[in-house]
Amino acid sequence: MSKNTNEDLNALADRAAAGDRDALEAVIAGVQDMAFSLSLRMLGTFADAEDAAQEILMKILSGLPSFRQESAFTTWAFRVAVNHLKNYKKHMFAHAPLNFEFYGNDIENADLQNIPDLSQNVEQSVLAEELKLSCTNVMLQCLDPESRCIFVLGTMFKADSRMAGEILGITPEAYRQRLSRVRGKMAQFLSAYCGEYGSGKCRCRDRINYAIRSHRLDPAQLDYTSASSPDMEQLREIKGAMEEIDGLSQQFSFCKMYQTPERLKEYIRKFLDSPAAAAVKNA
C-alpha cells in the first residue's frame, strides 16, 4: 500500500481517469491490500479472495470516470468492494455455509485419536500457526455476510462509525450497535471453544493431523504463514479514528491485514498494459 493520503488519492483518481498511467498504478497500489484483505475475511480462502479482489480492482478502475469525489476515494473504493462481496456467490462457502453450532460441534466431538502423522516433515509449530490463522478466518463464515462485513470493517480496518456507516448505507449509531453485537457473539464463541484466543479446550497443535485429513490444512500450501502483512503505518488513511465501543479489541488480534499476493499484482501489471486499461484511460 502506498503512503498517499486520501487527498492524494482523490487527485490521483482524477488523473487516472484522464489517462495517466502512473496515476492508475498509484490508485491500485493505494487500495489493493484493502481489496484483498477484505475479500479474504469475507470469503474465507486465499484462492477465492484473489479472484474476488481482482474483480473488485477491475470495478474500481472501470468506475474511475464516475467517481465524483462526493466522499473520500478510500470510502468510495470500500463501498465498491463491500457491495461486490456481500452478494458474492462464487466462493467455496457460498455452497457449503457454516454456522456456530456446526463449528462448536466439530470442536467438541471430533475424533482426534489414531490418526497417523500427516505433517510431511513440516514443523509442528508452523502447522499449528497456519491452522490457527485459517480456522479463525473460516470461523467468520459462521456470520451472515452483512454481520461479517461489519465485524471486519470495525475489527480489522478499525473504521470509525461515520466512515463505516457511509460505506454500508446505515447510520453511525446503527453501525456501532451492530458491531458491538457481532463482536460479542464472536467473543462468546472464542471464549467457549477456542484455547488459543479464549478459555476453550480446542488447541491447534492437537488438531493438526485431523485438519490435514479433513482437507482443512495442507502442509504443502501454507497461505497464512507465508503471507506478509503490510506496513500498518501506511494504512493510517484507510483506518479511521478507532472507537473503542466494547472493550473486545484485544480478543481479535488474528484479524489482520495481508499484502496482495504477487500473482494478483502481476495480473494488474499486465492489465494496465492491455487494451482494456486503455479503454479506462480514454473514457
Protein backbone atom coordinates (compact mmCIF):
# COMPACT_ATOMS: atom_id res chain seq x y z
CA MET A 1 0.00 0.00 0.00
CA SER A 2 1.26 3.46 -0.84
CA LYS A 3 1.66 6.32 1.59
CA ASN A 4 -0.72 8.55 -0.33
CA THR A 5 -3.28 10.41 1.77
CA ASN A 6 -6.97 10.48 0.94
CA GLU A 7 -6.42 13.89 -0.65
CA ASP A 8 -3.61 12.45 -2.78
CA LEU A 9 -5.78 9.52 -3.86
CA ASN A 10 -8.66 11.81 -4.80
CA ALA A 11 -6.31 13.79 -7.05
CA LEU A 12 -4.74 10.62 -8.45
CA ALA A 13 -8.19 9.23 -9.27
CA ASP A 14 -8.87 12.28 -11.44
CA ARG A 15 -5.55 11.90 -13.24
CA ALA A 16 -6.06 8.15 -13.67
CA ALA A 17 -9.49 8.65 -15.19
CA ALA A 18 -7.90 11.17 -17.59
CA GLY A 19 -5.41 8.57 -18.81
CA ASP A 20 -2.35 8.96 -16.60
CA ARG A 21 -0.66 5.52 -16.35
CA ASP A 22 1.40 6.44 -13.29
CA ALA A 23 -1.73 7.65 -11.53
CA LEU A 24 -3.53 4.39 -12.38
CA GLU A 25 -0.70 2.42 -10.82
CA ALA A 26 -0.73 4.62 -7.72
CA VAL A 27 -4.50 4.29 -7.32
CA ILE A 28 -4.28 0.50 -7.49
CA ALA A 29 -1.33 0.47 -5.07
CA GLY A 30 -3.44 2.55 -2.70
CA VAL A 31 -6.34 0.09 -2.47
CA GLN A 32 -5.11 -3.37 -3.50
CA ASP A 33 -4.26 -4.57 0.03
CA MET A 34 -7.67 -3.39 1.20
CA ALA A 35 -9.41 -5.25 -1.63
CA PHE A 36 -7.51 -8.48 -0.98
CA SER A 37 -7.70 -8.46 2.83
CA LEU A 38 -11.40 -7.59 2.83
CA SER A 39 -12.05 -10.37 0.30
CA LEU A 40 -10.08 -12.87 2.38
CA ARG A 41 -12.08 -12.13 5.54
CA MET A 42 -15.40 -12.10 3.69
CA LEU A 43 -14.84 -15.26 1.64
CA GLY A 44 -12.61 -17.46 3.80
CA THR A 45 -9.87 -18.71 1.44
CA PHE A 46 -6.88 -17.21 -0.34
CA ALA A 47 -7.90 -18.58 -3.74
CA ASP A 48 -11.40 -17.10 -3.58
CA ALA A 49 -10.01 -13.83 -2.18
CA GLU A 50 -7.59 -13.43 -5.07
CA ASP A 51 -10.37 -13.94 -7.62
CA ALA A 52 -12.72 -11.52 -5.88
CA ALA A 53 -10.04 -8.87 -5.30
CA GLN A 54 -9.18 -8.99 -8.98
CA GLU A 55 -12.81 -8.32 -9.85
CA ILE A 56 -13.02 -5.52 -7.29
CA LEU A 57 -9.92 -3.79 -8.63
CA MET A 58 -11.32 -4.01 -12.15
CA LYS A 59 -14.56 -2.43 -10.92
CA ILE A 60 -12.62 0.35 -9.22
CA LEU A 61 -10.62 1.05 -12.37
CA SER A 62 -13.64 0.99 -14.66
CA GLY A 63 -15.56 3.18 -12.24
CA LEU A 64 -12.94 5.91 -12.00
CA PRO A 65 -14.62 8.15 -14.60
CA SER A 66 -17.80 8.14 -12.48
CA PHE A 67 -16.04 8.96 -9.19
CA ARG A 68 -17.35 12.42 -8.28
CA GLN A 69 -15.37 12.99 -5.06
CA GLU A 70 -18.55 13.33 -3.00
CA SER A 71 -16.69 11.19 -0.46
CA ALA A 72 -13.05 10.24 0.16
CA PHE A 73 -11.63 7.95 -2.50
CA THR A 74 -10.91 5.21 0.03
CA THR A 75 -14.52 5.31 1.25
CA TRP A 76 -15.76 5.03 -2.33
CA ALA A 77 -13.37 2.13 -3.01
CA PHE A 78 -14.53 0.37 0.17
CA ARG A 79 -18.13 0.77 -0.96
CA VAL A 80 -17.34 -0.80 -4.33
CA ALA A 81 -15.61 -3.71 -2.57
CA VAL A 82 -18.30 -4.23 0.05
CA ASN A 83 -21.14 -4.18 -2.48
CA HIS A 84 -19.28 -6.73 -4.59
CA LEU A 85 -18.57 -9.07 -1.70
CA LYS A 86 -21.83 -9.05 0.25
CA ASN A 87 -23.61 -10.91 -2.53
CA TYR A 88 -20.63 -12.87 -3.88
CA LYS A 89 -21.72 -16.41 -4.76
CA LYS A 90 -18.64 -17.92 -6.39
CA HIS A 91 -16.69 -18.81 -3.26
CA MET A 92 -16.49 -22.19 -1.56
CA PHE A 93 -18.58 -21.29 1.49
CA ALA A 94 -21.44 -19.96 -0.61
CA HIS A 95 -22.13 -23.62 -1.42
CA ALA A 96 -21.20 -25.03 1.99
CA PRO A 97 -22.35 -22.45 4.55
CA LEU A 98 -21.17 -22.69 8.15
CA ASN A 99 -22.72 -21.79 11.49
CA PHE A 100 -21.50 -21.60 15.07
CA GLU A 101 -23.41 -24.75 16.06
CA PHE A 102 -21.61 -26.81 13.42
CA TYR A 103 -18.22 -25.34 14.33
CA GLY A 104 -18.74 -25.91 18.03
CA ASN A 105 -19.95 -29.47 17.48
CA ASP A 106 -16.85 -30.25 15.44
CA ILE A 107 -14.63 -28.96 18.25
CA GLU A 108 -16.49 -30.94 20.89
CA ASN A 109 -16.88 -34.23 19.05
CA ALA A 110 -14.03 -34.59 16.56
CA ASP A 111 -12.16 -37.87 16.94
CA LEU A 112 -8.51 -36.85 17.20
CA GLN A 113 -7.20 -40.29 18.11
CA ASN A 114 -5.48 -42.89 15.94
CA ILE A 115 -4.62 -40.50 13.12
CA PRO A 116 -1.17 -41.03 11.57
CA ASP A 117 1.37 -38.25 11.24
CA LEU A 118 0.41 -36.35 8.09
CA SER A 119 2.67 -33.34 8.58
CA GLN A 120 5.02 -34.14 5.66
CA ASN A 121 8.01 -33.14 7.82
CA VAL A 122 6.75 -29.56 8.24
CA GLU A 123 7.42 -28.17 11.72
CA GLN A 124 4.52 -28.67 14.09
CA SER A 125 4.70 -25.08 15.29
CA VAL A 126 4.33 -23.79 11.73
CA LEU A 127 1.38 -26.06 11.03
CA ALA A 128 -0.28 -25.06 14.31
CA GLU A 129 0.07 -21.37 13.46
CA GLU A 130 -1.30 -21.93 9.95
CA LEU A 131 -4.27 -23.83 11.37
CA LYS A 132 -4.93 -21.12 13.97
CA LEU A 133 -4.99 -18.35 11.38
CA SER A 134 -7.05 -20.27 8.85
CA CYS A 135 -9.51 -21.55 11.48
CA THR A 136 -10.26 -18.12 12.89
CA ASN A 137 -10.69 -16.74 9.39
CA VAL A 138 -13.04 -19.52 8.33
CA MET A 139 -14.93 -19.01 11.61
CA LEU A 140 -16.06 -15.65 10.21
CA GLN A 141 -18.13 -17.64 7.72
CA CYS A 142 -20.45 -18.52 10.61
CA LEU A 143 -21.71 -14.92 10.42
CA ASP A 144 -24.15 -13.72 7.79
CA PRO A 145 -22.46 -11.55 5.11
CA GLU A 146 -23.71 -8.24 6.50
CA SER A 147 -22.57 -9.04 10.04
CA ARG A 148 -19.26 -10.36 8.73
CA CYS A 149 -18.68 -7.14 6.86
CA ILE A 150 -19.49 -5.03 9.92
CA PHE A 151 -17.12 -7.12 12.04
CA VAL A 152 -14.27 -6.85 9.54
CA LEU A 153 -14.67 -3.11 9.00
CA GLY A 154 -14.65 -2.43 12.73
CA THR A 155 -12.13 -5.02 13.87
CA MET A 156 -9.54 -5.29 11.11
CA PHE A 157 -9.80 -1.91 9.39
CA LYS A 158 -10.85 -0.10 12.56
CA ALA A 159 -13.13 2.15 10.53
CA ASP A 160 -14.89 4.77 12.61
CA SER A 161 -18.69 4.70 12.68
CA ARG A 162 -19.06 7.67 10.34
CA MET A 163 -16.93 6.08 7.62
CA ALA A 164 -18.37 2.58 8.13
CA GLY A 165 -21.92 3.90 8.09
CA GLU A 166 -21.24 5.69 4.82
CA ILE A 167 -19.79 2.52 3.30
CA LEU A 168 -22.71 0.35 4.42
CA GLY A 169 -25.50 2.86 3.96
CA ILE A 170 -26.55 2.85 7.62
CA THR A 171 -26.36 5.41 10.41
CA PRO A 172 -23.22 5.59 12.58
CA GLU A 173 -25.34 4.67 15.61
CA ALA A 174 -26.75 1.59 13.90
CA TYR A 175 -23.25 0.54 12.88
CA ARG A 176 -21.92 0.88 16.44
CA GLN A 177 -24.80 -1.14 17.85
CA ARG A 178 -24.46 -3.91 15.28
CA LEU A 179 -20.67 -4.02 15.63
CA SER A 180 -20.98 -4.42 19.39
CA ARG A 181 -23.48 -7.28 18.99
CA VAL A 182 -21.48 -9.20 16.42
CA ARG A 183 -18.19 -8.77 18.29
CA GLY A 184 -19.92 -10.03 21.41
CA LYS A 185 -21.11 -13.11 19.54
CA MET A 186 -17.62 -13.81 18.21
CA ALA A 187 -16.01 -13.27 21.62
CA GLN A 188 -18.53 -15.61 23.26
CA PHE A 189 -17.75 -18.40 20.80
CA LEU A 190 -13.99 -17.95 21.14
CA SER A 191 -14.25 -17.95 24.92
CA ALA A 192 -16.34 -21.11 24.96
CA TYR A 193 -14.40 -23.21 22.46
CA CYS A 194 -11.02 -21.77 21.45
CA GLY A 195 -7.97 -22.43 23.58
CA GLU A 196 -5.82 -20.07 21.52
CA TYR A 197 -7.95 -16.93 21.89
CA GLY A 198 -10.29 -17.98 24.68
CA SER A 199 -10.67 -20.47 27.52
CA GLY A 200 -11.98 -23.39 25.48
CA LYS A 201 -10.37 -26.80 25.12
CA CYS A 202 -9.50 -26.62 21.41
CA ARG A 203 -5.75 -26.41 20.76
CA CYS A 204 -4.44 -26.13 17.23
CA ARG A 205 -1.40 -28.33 17.90
CA ASP A 206 -3.73 -31.20 18.89
CA ARG A 207 -5.79 -30.95 15.72
CA ILE A 208 -3.07 -30.76 13.05
CA ASN A 209 -3.42 -34.28 11.67
CA TYR A 210 -7.20 -34.18 11.96
CA ALA A 211 -7.23 -30.92 9.97
CA ILE A 212 -4.92 -32.35 7.30
CA ARG A 213 -7.03 -35.49 6.97
CA SER A 214 -10.21 -33.44 6.59
CA HIS A 215 -8.52 -31.16 3.99
CA ARG A 216 -8.66 -28.07 6.17
CA LEU A 217 -4.88 -27.82 6.28
CA ASP A 218 -2.35 -28.54 3.54
CA PRO A 219 1.32 -28.78 4.62
CA ALA A 220 2.32 -28.12 1.01
CA GLN A 221 0.40 -24.83 0.83
CA LEU A 222 0.76 -22.62 3.88
CA ASP A 223 -1.02 -19.48 2.74
CA TYR A 224 -1.24 -17.62 6.04
CA THR A 225 2.23 -18.21 7.45
CA SER A 226 3.87 -17.44 4.10
CA ALA A 227 1.89 -14.22 3.53
CA SER A 228 3.24 -10.81 4.51
CA SER A 229 1.45 -8.07 6.39
CA PRO A 230 1.57 -4.50 5.08
CA ASP A 231 3.20 -1.66 6.98
CA MET A 232 0.41 -0.62 9.33
CA GLU A 233 1.67 2.95 9.39
CA GLN A 234 0.88 3.07 5.69
CA LEU A 235 -2.74 2.21 6.43
CA ARG A 236 -3.38 5.30 8.51
CA GLU A 237 -5.50 6.96 5.84
CA ILE A 238 -7.78 3.95 5.43
CA LYS A 239 -8.21 3.48 9.16
CA GLY A 240 -10.46 5.89 10.93
CA ALA A 241 -10.06 7.12 14.46
CA MET A 242 -10.68 3.89 16.32
CA GLU A 243 -13.75 3.87 18.53
CA GLU A 244 -13.47 1.51 21.49
CA ILE A 245 -17.10 0.60 21.94
CA ASP A 246 -16.97 -2.73 23.75
CA GLY A 247 -13.51 -3.42 25.16
CA LEU A 248 -13.07 -6.52 22.99
CA SER A 249 -10.42 -5.35 20.53
CA GLN A 250 -7.56 -7.38 22.02
CA GLN A 251 -9.53 -10.62 21.59
CA PHE A 252 -9.43 -10.33 17.81
CA SER A 253 -5.72 -9.96 17.14
CA PHE A 254 -5.99 -12.63 14.44
CA CYS A 255 -7.96 -10.25 12.23
CA LYS A 256 -5.07 -8.53 10.49
CA MET A 257 -4.27 -7.28 7.01
CA TYR A 258 -2.26 -9.17 4.40
CA GLN A 259 -0.30 -7.88 1.45
CA THR A 260 -1.66 -8.51 -2.01
CA PRO A 261 -0.29 -11.83 -3.38
CA GLU A 262 2.29 -11.46 -6.12
CA ARG A 263 0.05 -13.34 -8.60
CA LEU A 264 -2.61 -10.67 -8.28
CA LYS A 265 -0.06 -7.86 -8.57
CA GLU A 266 1.25 -9.43 -11.78
CA TYR A 267 -2.27 -9.67 -13.18
CA ILE A 268 -2.81 -5.98 -12.50
CA ARG A 269 0.50 -5.05 -14.11
CA LYS A 270 -0.47 -6.95 -17.25
CA PHE A 271 -3.93 -5.41 -17.23
CA LEU A 272 -2.51 -1.89 -17.12
CA ASP A 273 -0.66 -2.64 -20.38
CA SER A 274 -3.75 -4.10 -22.04
CA PRO A 275 -6.34 -2.54 -24.39
CA ALA A 276 -8.92 -2.82 -21.60
CA ALA A 277 -6.87 -0.47 -19.43
CA ALA A 278 -6.52 1.89 -22.38
CA ALA A 279 -10.30 2.00 -22.60
CA VAL A 280 -10.42 3.13 -18.96
CA LYS A 281 -7.78 5.77 -19.58
CA ASN A 282 -9.60 7.09 -22.64
CA ALA A 283 -13.05 7.22 -21.02
